[in-house]
Amino acid sequence: MAPLARWEPDDALEALHRAGLEVWGVEPARWPPDAPQPRTHRQALTFVTRGITDPHLLLVFGGLEELEAWRLWLARYWKARPYLFVKDNLLLLVSRDLSPDEAAVLHAALDHLGQ
């Protein structure tokens, strides 16, 4: 198995910018203390792009086990599948304000990290 690349949030945001996407409103993600999702991420950011009101979620993980906890949790939400993208230690959950084709643009931008 290939080693897990370690990307930072700035790497992901820069890849989106290089793909011609306007990104703004970047801030730490906030959840209520009793929110059910895992707390295994190292960093969590929300941001918006043109045409959405519900922000995208970018999670950064320290390792595969932490990432897997989120993937298992999200697997229950089958509607999230076209909007979920994983690249090494990054997980991007694209806003459902976009169509699956529009979400694929963000996925492709992150897929080119390191190239």
PDB file of N, CA and C in Angstrom:
ATOM      1  N   MET A   1       0.845  -1.179   0.000  1.00  0.00           N
ATOM      2  CA  MET A   1       0.000   0.000   0.000  1.00  0.00           C
ATOM      3  C   MET A   1       0.894   1.248   0.000  1.00  0.00           C
ATOM      4  N   ALA A   2       0.573   2.212  -0.836  1.00  0.00           N
ATOM      5  CA  ALA A   2       1.347   3.452  -0.927  1.00  0.00           C
ATOM      6  C   ALA A   2       1.150   4.278   0.341  1.00  0.00           C
ATOM      7  N   PRO A   3       2.177   5.029   0.749  1.00  0.00           N
ATOM      8  CA  PRO A   3       2.021   5.857   1.934  1.00  0.00           C
ATOM      9  C   PRO A   3       0.976   6.945   1.701  1.00  0.00           C
ATOM     10  N   LEU A   4       0.325   7.334   2.777  1.00  0.00           N
ATOM     11  CA  LEU A   4      -0.696   8.372   2.732  1.00  0.00           C
ATOM     12  C   LEU A   4      -0.038   9.739   2.579  1.00  0.00           C
ATOM     13  N   ALA A   5      -0.354  10.450   1.505  1.00  0.00           N
ATOM     14  CA  ALA A   5       0.163  11.810   1.340  1.00  0.00           C
ATOM     15  C   ALA A   5      -0.479  12.704   2.394  1.00  0.00           C
ATOM     16  N   ARG A   6       0.251  13.670   2.841  1.00  0.00           N
ATOM     17  CA  ARG A   6      -0.216  14.573   3.896  1.00  0.00           C
ATOM     18  C   ARG A   6      -0.428  15.963   3.319  1.00  0.00           C
ATOM     19  N   TRP A   7      -1.657  16.267   2.965  1.00  0.00           N
ATOM     20  CA  TRP A   7      -2.004  17.580   2.438  1.00  0.00           C
ATOM     21  C   TRP A   7      -2.526  18.460   3.552  1.00  0.00           C
ATOM     22  N   GLU A   8      -2.356  19.749   3.386  1.00  0.00           N
ATOM     23  CA  GLU A   8      -2.877  20.746   4.313  1.00  0.00           C
ATOM     24  C   GLU A   8      -4.068  21.442   3.664  1.00  0.00           C
ATOM     25  N   PRO A   9      -4.907  22.102   4.443  1.00  0.00           N
ATOM     26  CA  PRO A   9      -6.049  22.810   3.859  1.00  0.00           C
ATOM     27  C   PRO A   9      -5.636  23.800   2.769  1.00  0.00           C
ATOM     28  N   ASP A  10      -4.533  24.504   2.978  1.00  0.00           N
ATOM     29  CA  ASP A  10      -4.085  25.467   1.961  1.00  0.00           C
ATOM     30  C   ASP A  10      -3.768  24.792   0.633  1.00  0.00           C
ATOM     31  N   ASP A  11      -3.257  23.566   0.669  1.00  0.00           N
ATOM     32  CA  ASP A  11      -2.992  22.824  -0.567  1.00  0.00           C
ATOM     33  C   ASP A  11      -4.294  22.606  -1.340  1.00  0.00           C
ATOM     34  N   ALA A  12      -5.330  22.190  -0.632  1.00  0.00           N
ATOM     35  CA  ALA A  12      -6.622  21.927  -1.274  1.00  0.00           C
ATOM     36  C   ALA A  12      -7.232  23.214  -1.815  1.00  0.00           C
ATOM     37  N   LEU A  13      -7.204  24.271  -1.026  1.00  0.00           N
ATOM     38  CA  LEU A  13      -7.785  25.542  -1.465  1.00  0.00           C
ATOM     39  C   LEU A  13      -7.028  26.104  -2.667  1.00  0.00           C
ATOM     40  N   GLU A  14      -5.720  25.942  -2.681  1.00  0.00           N
ATOM     41  CA  GLU A  14      -4.919  26.396  -3.814  1.00  0.00           C
ATOM     42  C   GLU A  14      -5.250  25.586  -5.075  1.00  0.00           C
ATOM     43  N   ALA A  15      -5.468  24.289  -4.933  1.00  0.00           N
ATOM     44  CA  ALA A  15      -5.840  23.453  -6.079  1.00  0.00           C
ATOM     45  C   ALA A  15      -7.180  23.897  -6.662  1.00  0.00           C
ATOM     46  N   LEU A  16      -8.115  24.256  -5.803  1.00  0.00           N
ATOM     47  CA  LEU A  16      -9.406  24.749  -6.280  1.00  0.00           C
ATOM     48  C   LEU A  16      -9.232  26.070  -7.019  1.00  0.00           C
ATOM     49  N   HIS A  17      -8.393  26.930  -6.476  1.00  0.00           N
ATOM     50  CA  HIS A  17      -8.126  28.218  -7.115  1.00  0.00           C
ATOM     51  C   HIS A  17      -7.472  28.019  -8.488  1.00  0.00           C
ATOM     52  N   ARG A  18      -6.481  27.129  -8.559  1.00  0.00           N
ATOM     53  CA  ARG A  18      -5.808  26.853  -9.838  1.00  0.00           C
ATOM     54  C   ARG A  18      -6.773  26.309 -10.887  1.00  0.00           C
ATOM     55  N   ALA A  19      -7.837  25.645 -10.437  1.00  0.00           N
ATOM     56  CA  ALA A  19      -8.841  25.106 -11.356  1.00  0.00           C
ATOM     57  C   ALA A  19      -9.841  26.178 -11.796  1.00  0.00           C
ATOM     58  N   GLY A  20      -9.629  27.417 -11.334  1.00  0.00           N
ATOM     59  CA  GLY A  20     -10.489  28.513 -11.748  1.00  0.00           C
ATOM     60  C   GLY A  20     -11.726  28.718 -10.886  1.00  0.00           C
ATOM     61  N   LEU A  21     -11.769  28.058  -9.733  1.00  0.00           N
ATOM     62  CA  LEU A  21     -12.911  28.207  -8.836  1.00  0.00           C
ATOM     63  C   LEU A  21     -12.676  29.345  -7.849  1.00  0.00           C
ATOM     64  N   GLU A  22     -13.688  30.160  -7.657  1.00  0.00           N
ATOM     65  CA  GLU A  22     -13.619  31.216  -6.649  1.00  0.00           C
ATOM     66  C   GLU A  22     -14.039  30.617  -5.308  1.00  0.00           C
ATOM     67  N   VAL A  23     -13.181  30.759  -4.324  1.00  0.00           N
ATOM     68  CA  VAL A  23     -13.422  30.223  -2.989  1.00  0.00           C
ATOM     69  C   VAL A  23     -13.394  31.379  -2.011  1.00  0.00           C
ATOM     70  N   TRP A  24     -14.393  31.463  -1.155  1.00  0.00           N
ATOM     71  CA  TRP A  24     -14.386  32.496  -0.123  1.00  0.00           C
ATOM     72  C   TRP A  24     -15.130  31.993   1.106  1.00  0.00           C
ATOM     73  N   GLY A  25     -15.095  32.797   2.149  1.00  0.00           N
ATOM     74  CA  GLY A  25     -15.764  32.427   3.389  1.00  0.00           C
ATOM     75  C   GLY A  25     -15.135  31.235   4.082  1.00  0.00           C
ATOM     76  N   VAL A  26     -13.836  31.056   3.924  1.00  0.00           N
ATOM     77  CA  VAL A  26     -13.159  29.917   4.559  1.00  0.00           C
ATOM     78  C   VAL A  26     -13.103  30.165   6.067  1.00  0.00           C
ATOM     79  N   GLU A  27     -13.622  29.219   6.822  1.00  0.00           N
ATOM     80  CA  GLU A  27     -13.585  29.329   8.287  1.00  0.00           C
ATOM     81  C   GLU A  27     -13.643  27.947   8.920  1.00  0.00           C
ATOM     82  N   PRO A  28     -13.238  27.860  10.181  1.00  0.00           N
ATOM     83  CA  PRO A  28     -13.311  26.562  10.862  1.00  0.00           C
ATOM     84  C   PRO A  28     -14.760  26.079  10.934  1.00  0.00           C
ATOM     85  N   ALA A  29     -14.958  24.789  10.697  1.00  0.00           N
ATOM     86  CA  ALA A  29     -16.294  24.200  10.822  1.00  0.00           C
ATOM     87  C   ALA A  29     -16.674  24.167  12.296  1.00  0.00           C
ATOM     88  N   ARG A  30     -17.943  24.419  12.543  1.00  0.00           N
ATOM     89  CA  ARG A  30     -18.437  24.419  13.928  1.00  0.00           C
ATOM     90  C   ARG A  30     -19.649  23.507  14.016  1.00  0.00           C
ATOM     91  N   TRP A  31     -19.648  22.638  15.051  1.00  0.00           N
ATOM     92  CA  TRP A  31     -20.778  21.768  15.308  1.00  0.00           C
ATOM     93  C   TRP A  31     -21.169  21.907  16.764  1.00  0.00           C
ATOM     94  N   PRO A  32     -22.436  21.690  17.063  1.00  0.00           N
ATOM     95  CA  PRO A  32     -22.834  21.671  18.472  1.00  0.00           C
ATOM     96  C   PRO A  32     -22.123  20.530  19.199  1.00  0.00           C
ATOM     97  N   PRO A  33     -21.906  20.676  20.498  1.00  0.00           N
ATOM     98  CA  PRO A  33     -21.202  19.623  21.257  1.00  0.00           C
ATOM     99  C   PRO A  33     -21.860  18.248  21.147  1.00  0.00           C
ATOM    100  N   ASP A  34     -23.178  18.203  20.951  1.00  0.00           N
ATOM    101  CA  ASP A  34     -23.874  16.920  20.886  1.00  0.00           C
ATOM    102  C   ASP A  34     -24.075  16.422  19.451  1.00  0.00           C
ATOM    103  N   ALA A  35     -23.410  17.035  18.484  1.00  0.00           N
ATOM    104  CA  ALA A  35     -23.525  16.597  17.086  1.00  0.00           C
ATOM    105  C   ALA A  35     -22.983  15.171  16.957  1.00  0.00           C
ATOM    106  N   PRO A  36     -23.606  14.345  16.092  1.00  0.00           N
ATOM    107  CA  PRO A  36     -23.266  12.918  16.064  1.00  0.00           C
ATOM    108  C   PRO A  36     -22.034  12.523  15.255  1.00  0.00           C
ATOM    109  N   GLN A  37     -21.497  13.390  14.437  1.00  0.00           N
ATOM    110  CA  GLN A  37     -20.399  12.966  13.568  1.00  0.00           C
ATOM    111  C   GLN A  37     -19.111  12.716  14.359  1.00  0.00           C
ATOM    112  N   PRO A  38     -18.213  11.911  13.767  1.00  0.00           N
ATOM    113  CA  PRO A  38     -16.945  11.616  14.441  1.00  0.00           C
ATOM    114  C   PRO A  38     -16.118  12.885  14.676  1.00  0.00           C
ATOM    115  N   ARG A  39     -15.231  12.803  15.622  1.00  0.00           N
ATOM    116  CA  ARG A  39     -14.319  13.926  15.922  1.00  0.00           C
ATOM    117  C   ARG A  39     -12.884  13.518  15.627  1.00  0.00           C
ATOM    118  N   THR A  40     -12.710  12.687  14.625  1.00  0.00           N
ATOM    119  CA  THR A  40     -11.394  12.119  14.335  1.00  0.00           C
ATOM    120  C   THR A  40     -10.546  12.987  13.412  1.00  0.00           C
ATOM    121  N   HIS A  41     -11.109  14.043  12.862  1.00  0.00           N
ATOM    122  CA  HIS A  41     -10.362  14.896  11.937  1.00  0.00           C
ATOM    123  C   HIS A  41      -9.362  15.773  12.689  1.00  0.00           C
ATOM    124  N   ARG A  42      -8.313  16.155  11.987  1.00  0.00           N
ATOM    125  CA  ARG A  42      -7.302  17.062  12.538  1.00  0.00           C
ATOM    126  C   ARG A  42      -7.732  18.505  12.339  1.00  0.00           C
ATOM    127  N   GLN A  43      -8.316  18.807  11.174  1.00  0.00           N
ATOM    128  CA  GLN A  43      -8.831  20.138  10.872  1.00  0.00           C
ATOM    129  C   GLN A  43     -10.110  19.992  10.083  1.00  0.00           C
ATOM    130  N   ALA A  44     -11.018  20.952  10.256  1.00  0.00           N
ATOM    131  CA  ALA A  44     -12.272  20.980   9.511  1.00  0.00           C
ATOM    132  C   ALA A  44     -12.562  22.418   9.122  1.00  0.00           C
ATOM    133  N   LEU A  45     -12.771  22.630   7.828  1.00  0.00           N
ATOM    134  CA  LEU A  45     -13.066  23.965   7.310  1.00  0.00           C
ATOM    135  C   LEU A  45     -14.326  23.926   6.465  1.00  0.00           C
ATOM    136  N   THR A  46     -15.042  25.038   6.475  1.00  0.00           N
ATOM    137  CA  THR A  46     -16.126  25.226   5.530  1.00  0.00           C
ATOM    138  C   THR A  46     -15.749  26.373   4.617  1.00  0.00           C
ATOM    139  N   PHE A  47     -16.291  26.339   3.407  1.00  0.00           N
ATOM    140  CA  PHE A  47     -16.070  27.421   2.443  1.00  0.00           C
ATOM    141  C   PHE A  47     -17.178  27.382   1.411  1.00  0.00           C
ATOM    142  N   VAL A  48     -17.313  28.464   0.675  1.00  0.00           N
ATOM    143  CA  VAL A  48     -18.330  28.533  -0.365  1.00  0.00           C
ATOM    144  C   VAL A  48     -17.686  28.822  -1.711  1.00  0.00           C
ATOM    145  N   THR A  49     -18.397  28.437  -2.745  1.00  0.00           N
ATOM    146  CA  THR A  49     -18.053  28.767  -4.119  1.00  0.00           C
ATOM    147  C   THR A  49     -19.323  29.344  -4.745  1.00  0.00           C
ATOM    148  N   ARG A  50     -19.183  29.859  -5.947  1.00  0.00           N
ATOM    149  CA  ARG A  50     -20.308  30.498  -6.617  1.00  0.00           C
ATOM    150  C   ARG A  50     -21.490  29.536  -6.758  1.00  0.00           C
ATOM    151  N   GLY A  51     -22.675  30.060  -6.535  1.00  0.00           N
ATOM    152  CA  GLY A  51     -23.893  29.292  -6.765  1.00  0.00           C
ATOM    153  C   GLY A  51     -24.387  28.467  -5.594  1.00  0.00           C
ATOM    154  N   ILE A  52     -23.784  28.631  -4.421  1.00  0.00           N
ATOM    155  CA  ILE A  52     -24.237  27.833  -3.275  1.00  0.00           C
ATOM    156  C   ILE A  52     -24.512  28.722  -2.070  1.00  0.00           C
ATOM    157  N   THR A  53     -25.370  28.246  -1.203  1.00  0.00           N
ATOM    158  CA  THR A  53     -25.581  28.894   0.091  1.00  0.00           C
ATOM    159  C   THR A  53     -25.127  27.992   1.227  1.00  0.00           C
ATOM    160  N   ASP A  54     -25.291  26.667   1.040  1.00  0.00           N
ATOM    161  CA  ASP A  54     -24.841  25.686   2.025  1.00  0.00           C
ATOM    162  C   ASP A  54     -23.362  25.412   1.756  1.00  0.00           C
ATOM    163  N   PRO A  55     -22.464  25.653   2.711  1.00  0.00           N
ATOM    164  CA  PRO A  55     -21.025  25.546   2.432  1.00  0.00           C
ATOM    165  C   PRO A  55     -20.541  24.116   2.205  1.00  0.00           C
ATOM    166  N   HIS A  56     -19.398  24.035   1.538  1.00  0.00           N
ATOM    167  CA  HIS A  56     -18.658  22.789   1.380  1.00  0.00           C
ATOM    168  C   HIS A  56     -17.912  22.516   2.684  1.00  0.00           C
ATOM    169  N   LEU A  57     -17.563  21.258   2.924  1.00  0.00           N
ATOM    170  CA  LEU A  57     -16.820  20.863   4.122  1.00  0.00           C
ATOM    171  C   LEU A  57     -15.538  20.168   3.694  1.00  0.00           C
ATOM    172  N   LEU A  58     -14.416  20.668   4.184  1.00  0.00           N
ATOM    173  CA  LEU A  58     -13.112  20.073   3.920  1.00  0.00           C
ATOM    174  C   LEU A  58     -12.538  19.572   5.241  1.00  0.00           C
ATOM    175  N   LEU A  59     -12.246  18.276   5.287  1.00  0.00           N
ATOM    176  CA  LEU A  59     -11.669  17.669   6.488  1.00  0.00           C
ATOM    177  C   LEU A  59     -10.256  17.188   6.187  1.00  0.00           C
ATOM    178  N   VAL A  60      -9.370  17.389   7.147  1.00  0.00           N
ATOM    179  CA  VAL A  60      -7.985  16.942   7.044  1.00  0.00           C
ATOM    180  C   VAL A  60      -7.751  15.950   8.177  1.00  0.00           C
ATOM    181  N   PHE A  61      -7.140  14.806   7.828  1.00  0.00           N
ATOM    182  CA  PHE A  61      -6.932  13.737   8.798  1.00  0.00           C
ATOM    183  C   PHE A  61      -5.452  13.462   9.001  1.00  0.00           C
ATOM    184  N   GLY A  62      -5.137  12.916  10.175  1.00  0.00           N
ATOM    185  CA  GLY A  62      -3.773  12.539  10.480  1.00  0.00           C
ATOM    186  C   GLY A  62      -3.411  11.163   9.979  1.00  0.00           C
ATOM    187  N   GLY A  63      -4.409  10.321   9.713  1.00  0.00           N
ATOM    188  CA  GLY A  63      -4.136   8.964   9.259  1.00  0.00           C
ATOM    189  C   GLY A  63      -5.381   8.297   8.707  1.00  0.00           C
ATOM    190  N   LEU A  64      -5.182   7.105   8.164  1.00  0.00           N
ATOM    191  CA  LEU A  64      -6.277   6.382   7.517  1.00  0.00           C
ATOM    192  C   LEU A  64      -7.382   5.954   8.485  1.00  0.00           C
ATOM    193  N   GLU A  65      -7.028   5.581   9.696  1.00  0.00           N
ATOM    194  CA  GLU A  65      -8.044   5.150  10.659  1.00  0.00           C
ATOM    195  C   GLU A  65      -9.010   6.284  10.969  1.00  0.00           C
ATOM    196  N   GLU A  66      -8.482   7.493  11.120  1.00  0.00           N
ATOM    197  CA  GLU A  66      -9.324   8.649  11.405  1.00  0.00           C
ATOM    198  C   GLU A  66     -10.246   8.947  10.230  1.00  0.00           C
ATOM    199  N   LEU A  67      -9.703   8.867   9.022  1.00  0.00           N
ATOM    200  CA  LEU A  67     -10.485   9.086   7.804  1.00  0.00           C
ATOM    201  C   LEU A  67     -11.568   8.018   7.668  1.00  0.00           C
ATOM    202  N   GLU A  68     -11.218   6.785   7.934  1.00  0.00           N
ATOM    203  CA  GLU A  68     -12.170   5.686   7.795  1.00  0.00           C
ATOM    204  C   GLU A  68     -13.371   5.853   8.727  1.00  0.00           C
ATOM    205  N   ALA A  69     -13.164   6.405   9.912  1.00  0.00           N
ATOM    206  CA  ALA A  69     -14.283   6.647  10.823  1.00  0.00           C
ATOM    207  C   ALA A  69     -15.306   7.575  10.180  1.00  0.00           C
ATOM    208  N   TRP A  70     -14.848   8.591   9.479  1.00  0.00           N
ATOM    209  CA  TRP A  70     -15.761   9.502   8.782  1.00  0.00           C
ATOM    210  C   TRP A  70     -16.423   8.825   7.593  1.00  0.00           C
ATOM    211  N   ARG A  71     -15.648   8.055   6.842  1.00  0.00           N
ATOM    212  CA  ARG A  71     -16.248   7.383   5.675  1.00  0.00           C
ATOM    213  C   ARG A  71     -17.351   6.422   6.101  1.00  0.00           C
ATOM    214  N   LEU A  72     -17.131   5.703   7.177  1.00  0.00           N
ATOM    215  CA  LEU A  72     -18.163   4.795   7.674  1.00  0.00           C
ATOM    216  C   LEU A  72     -19.389   5.561   8.149  1.00  0.00           C
ATOM    217  N   TRP A  73     -19.186   6.674   8.810  1.00  0.00           N
ATOM    218  CA  TRP A  73     -20.305   7.485   9.287  1.00  0.00           C
ATOM    219  C   TRP A  73     -21.094   8.050   8.103  1.00  0.00           C
ATOM    220  N   LEU A  74     -20.393   8.545   7.087  1.00  0.00           N
ATOM    221  CA  LEU A  74     -21.060   9.119   5.920  1.00  0.00           C
ATOM    222  C   LEU A  74     -21.729   8.069   5.042  1.00  0.00           C
ATOM    223  N   ALA A  75     -21.303   6.816   5.126  1.00  0.00           N
ATOM    224  CA  ALA A  75     -21.889   5.755   4.304  1.00  0.00           C
ATOM    225  C   ALA A  75     -23.388   5.603   4.570  1.00  0.00           C
ATOM    226  N   ARG A  76     -23.838   6.007   5.727  1.00  0.00           N
ATOM    227  CA  ARG A  76     -25.269   5.938   6.053  1.00  0.00           C
ATOM    228  C   ARG A  76     -26.077   6.953   5.262  1.00  0.00           C
ATOM    229  N   TYR A  77     -25.411   7.960   4.746  1.00  0.00           N
ATOM    230  CA  TYR A  77     -26.093   9.043   4.034  1.00  0.00           C
ATOM    231  C   TYR A  77     -25.850   8.880   2.538  1.00  0.00           C
ATOM    232  N   TRP A  78     -26.577   7.975   1.917  1.00  0.00           N
ATOM    233  CA  TRP A  78     -26.326   7.605   0.521  1.00  0.00           C
ATOM    234  C   TRP A  78     -26.453   8.795  -0.415  1.00  0.00           C
ATOM    235  N   LYS A  79     -27.235   9.807  -0.072  1.00  0.00           N
ATOM    236  CA  LYS A  79     -27.357  10.984  -0.936  1.00  0.00           C
ATOM    237  C   LYS A  79     -26.069  11.785  -0.987  1.00  0.00           C
ATOM    238  N   ALA A  80     -25.171  11.571  -0.042  1.00  0.00           N
ATOM    239  CA  ALA A  80     -23.897  12.304  -0.018  1.00  0.00           C
ATOM    240  C   ALA A  80     -22.890  11.720  -1.004  1.00  0.00           C
ATOM    241  N   ARG A  81     -23.125  10.514  -1.489  1.00  0.00           N
ATOM    242  CA  ARG A  81     -22.118   9.827  -2.315  1.00  0.00           C
ATOM    243  C   ARG A  81     -21.603  10.634  -3.502  1.00  0.00           C
ATOM    244  N   PRO A  82     -22.461  11.273  -4.319  1.00  0.00           N
ATOM    245  CA  PRO A  82     -21.898  12.002  -5.461  1.00  0.00           C
ATOM    246  C   PRO A  82     -21.125  13.246  -5.031  1.00  0.00           C
ATOM    247  N   TYR A  83     -21.250  13.611  -3.788  1.00  0.00           N
ATOM    248  CA  TYR A  83     -20.646  14.844  -3.299  1.00  0.00           C
ATOM    249  C   TYR A  83     -19.409  14.605  -2.456  1.00  0.00           C
ATOM    250  N   LEU A  84     -19.081  13.364  -2.225  1.00  0.00           N
ATOM    251  CA  LEU A  84     -17.968  12.987  -1.354  1.00  0.00           C
ATOM    252  C   LEU A  84     -16.740  12.662  -2.191  1.00  0.00           C
ATOM    253  N   PHE A  85     -15.613  13.244  -1.805  1.00  0.00           N
ATOM    254  CA  PHE A  85     -14.364  12.974  -2.518  1.00  0.00           C
ATOM    255  C   PHE A  85     -13.250  12.822  -1.497  1.00  0.00           C
ATOM    256  N   VAL A  86     -12.424  11.799  -1.663  1.00  0.00           N
ATOM    257  CA  VAL A  86     -11.291  11.560  -0.775  1.00  0.00           C
ATOM    258  C   VAL A  86     -10.019  11.571  -1.604  1.00  0.00           C
ATOM    259  N   LYS A  87      -9.040  12.326  -1.138  1.00  0.00           N
ATOM    260  CA  LYS A  87      -7.703  12.356  -1.752  1.00  0.00           C
ATOM    261  C   LYS A  87      -6.697  12.258  -0.619  1.00  0.00           C
ATOM    262  N   ASP A  88      -6.094  11.106  -0.484  1.00  0.00           N
ATOM    263  CA  ASP A  88      -5.103  10.866   0.563  1.00  0.00           C
ATOM    264  C   ASP A  88      -5.697  11.197   1.924  1.00  0.00           C
ATOM    265  N   ASN A  89      -5.192  12.234   2.622  1.00  0.00           N
ATOM    266  CA  ASN A  89      -5.689  12.555   3.956  1.00  0.00           C
ATOM    267  C   ASN A  89      -6.758  13.652   3.958  1.00  0.00           C
ATOM    268  N   LEU A  90      -7.316  13.964   2.778  1.00  0.00           N
ATOM    269  CA  LEU A  90      -8.364  14.979   2.655  1.00  0.00           C
ATOM    270  C   LEU A  90      -9.701  14.327   2.340  1.00  0.00           C
ATOM    271  N   LEU A  91     -10.750  14.874   2.913  1.00  0.00           N
ATOM    272  CA  LEU A  91     -12.103  14.480   2.567  1.00  0.00           C
ATOM    273  C   LEU A  91     -12.867  15.758   2.269  1.00  0.00           C
ATOM    274  N   LEU A  92     -13.476  15.820   1.098  1.00  0.00           N
ATOM    275  CA  LEU A  92     -14.277  16.975   0.701  1.00  0.00           C
ATOM    276  C   LEU A  92     -15.712  16.523   0.550  1.00  0.00           C
ATOM    277  N   LEU A  93     -16.591  17.170   1.277  1.00  0.00           N
ATOM    278  CA  LEU A  93     -18.018  16.950   1.129  1.00  0.00           C
ATOM    279  C   LEU A  93     -18.576  18.211   0.481  1.00  0.00           C
ATOM    280  N   VAL A  94     -18.899  18.097  -0.807  1.00  0.00           N
ATOM    281  CA  VAL A  94     -19.366  19.236  -1.598  1.00  0.00           C
ATOM    282  C   VAL A  94     -20.829  19.512  -1.267  1.00  0.00           C
ATOM    283  N   SER A  95     -21.184  20.774  -1.240  1.00  0.00           N
ATOM    284  CA  SER A  95     -22.555  21.194  -0.972  1.00  0.00           C
ATOM    285  C   SER A  95     -23.525  20.561  -1.963  1.00  0.00           C
ATOM    286  N   ARG A  96     -24.669  20.131  -1.459  1.00  0.00           N
ATOM    287  CA  ARG A  96     -25.690  19.573  -2.347  1.00  0.00           C
ATOM    288  C   ARG A  96     -26.438  20.663  -3.097  1.00  0.00           C
ATOM    289  N   ASP A  97     -26.044  21.925  -2.916  1.00  0.00           N
ATOM    290  CA  ASP A  97     -26.582  22.995  -3.751  1.00  0.00           C
ATOM    291  C   ASP A  97     -26.104  22.842  -5.195  1.00  0.00           C
ATOM    292  N   LEU A  98     -25.031  22.082  -5.404  1.00  0.00           N
ATOM    293  CA  LEU A  98     -24.492  21.843  -6.742  1.00  0.00           C
ATOM    294  C   LEU A  98     -25.045  20.536  -7.303  1.00  0.00           C
ATOM    295  N   SER A  99     -25.041  20.435  -8.610  1.00  0.00           N
ATOM    296  CA  SER A  99     -25.403  19.165  -9.247  1.00  0.00           C
ATOM    297  C   SER A  99     -24.212  18.209  -9.116  1.00  0.00           C
ATOM    298  N   PRO A 100     -24.424  16.906  -9.310  1.00  0.00           N
ATOM    299  CA  PRO A 100     -23.282  15.987  -9.295  1.00  0.00           C
ATOM    300  C   PRO A 100     -22.203  16.365 -10.316  1.00  0.00           C
ATOM    301  N   ASP A 101     -22.601  16.867 -11.486  1.00  0.00           N
ATOM    302  CA  ASP A 101     -21.612  17.289 -12.485  1.00  0.00           C
ATOM    303  C   ASP A 101     -20.801  18.481 -11.992  1.00  0.00           C
ATOM    304  N   GLU A 102     -21.463  19.420 -11.317  1.00  0.00           N
ATOM    305  CA  GLU A 102     -20.754  20.573 -10.772  1.00  0.00           C
ATOM    306  C   GLU A 102     -19.833  20.141  -9.633  1.00  0.00           C
ATOM    307  N   ALA A 103     -20.282  19.194  -8.830  1.00  0.00           N
ATOM    308  CA  ALA A 103     -19.448  18.663  -7.743  1.00  0.00           C
ATOM    309  C   ALA A 103     -18.205  18.006  -8.305  1.00  0.00           C
ATOM    310  N   ALA A 104     -18.345  17.359  -9.457  1.00  0.00           N
ATOM    311  CA  ALA A 104     -17.215  16.674 -10.078  1.00  0.00           C
ATOM    312  C   ALA A 104     -16.090  17.642 -10.437  1.00  0.00           C
ATOM    313  N   VAL A 105     -16.406  18.904 -10.686  1.00  0.00           N
ATOM    314  CA  VAL A 105     -15.385  19.916 -10.988  1.00  0.00           C
ATOM    315  C   VAL A 105     -14.490  20.120  -9.774  1.00  0.00           C
ATOM    316  N   LEU A 106     -15.085  20.217  -8.589  1.00  0.00           N
ATOM    317  CA  LEU A 106     -14.296  20.357  -7.370  1.00  0.00           C
ATOM    318  C   LEU A 106     -13.482  19.099  -7.111  1.00  0.00           C
ATOM    319  N   HIS A 107     -14.089  17.935  -7.334  1.00  0.00           N
ATOM    320  CA  HIS A 107     -13.377  16.670  -7.137  1.00  0.00           C
ATOM    321  C   HIS A 107     -12.151  16.603  -8.054  1.00  0.00           C
ATOM    322  N   ALA A 108     -12.340  16.969  -9.315  1.00  0.00           N
ATOM    323  CA  ALA A 108     -11.233  16.914 -10.276  1.00  0.00           C
ATOM    324  C   ALA A 108     -10.111  17.851  -9.881  1.00  0.00           C
ATOM    325  N   ALA A 109     -10.456  19.019  -9.357  1.00  0.00           N
ATOM    326  CA  ALA A 109      -9.426  19.969  -8.930  1.00  0.00           C
ATOM    327  C   ALA A 109      -8.558  19.363  -7.826  1.00  0.00           C
ATOM    328  N   LEU A 110      -9.180  18.715  -6.861  1.00  0.00           N
ATOM    329  CA  LEU A 110      -8.406  18.098  -5.770  1.00  0.00           C
ATOM    330  C   LEU A 110      -7.672  16.846  -6.233  1.00  0.00           C
ATOM    331  N   ASP A 111      -8.223  16.176  -7.225  1.00  0.00           N
ATOM    332  CA  ASP A 111      -7.560  14.980  -7.733  1.00  0.00           C
ATOM    333  C   ASP A 111      -6.219  15.317  -8.370  1.00  0.00           C
ATOM    334  N   HIS A 112      -6.019  16.561  -8.786  1.00  0.00           N
ATOM    335  CA  HIS A 112      -4.769  16.977  -9.425  1.00  0.00           C
ATOM    336  C   HIS A 112      -3.720  17.466  -8.420  1.00  0.00           C
ATOM    337  N   LEU A 113      -4.000  17.363  -7.134  1.00  0.00           N
ATOM    338  CA  LEU A 113      -2.994  17.717  -6.132  1.00  0.00           C
ATOM    339  C   LEU A 113      -1.734  16.896  -6.358  1.00  0.00           C
ATOM    340  N   GLY A 114      -0.595  17.536  -6.310  1.00  0.00           N
ATOM    341  CA  GLY A 114       0.670  16.847  -6.435  1.00  0.00           C
ATOM    342  C   GLY A 114       1.085  16.526  -7.855  1.00  0.00           C
ATOM    343  N   GLN A 115       0.340  16.997  -8.822  1.00  0.00           N
ATOM    344  CA  GLN A 115       0.692  16.732 -10.222  1.00  0.00           C
ATOM    345  C   GLN A 115       1.224  17.970 -10.883  1.00  0.00           C
TER     346      GLN A 115
END
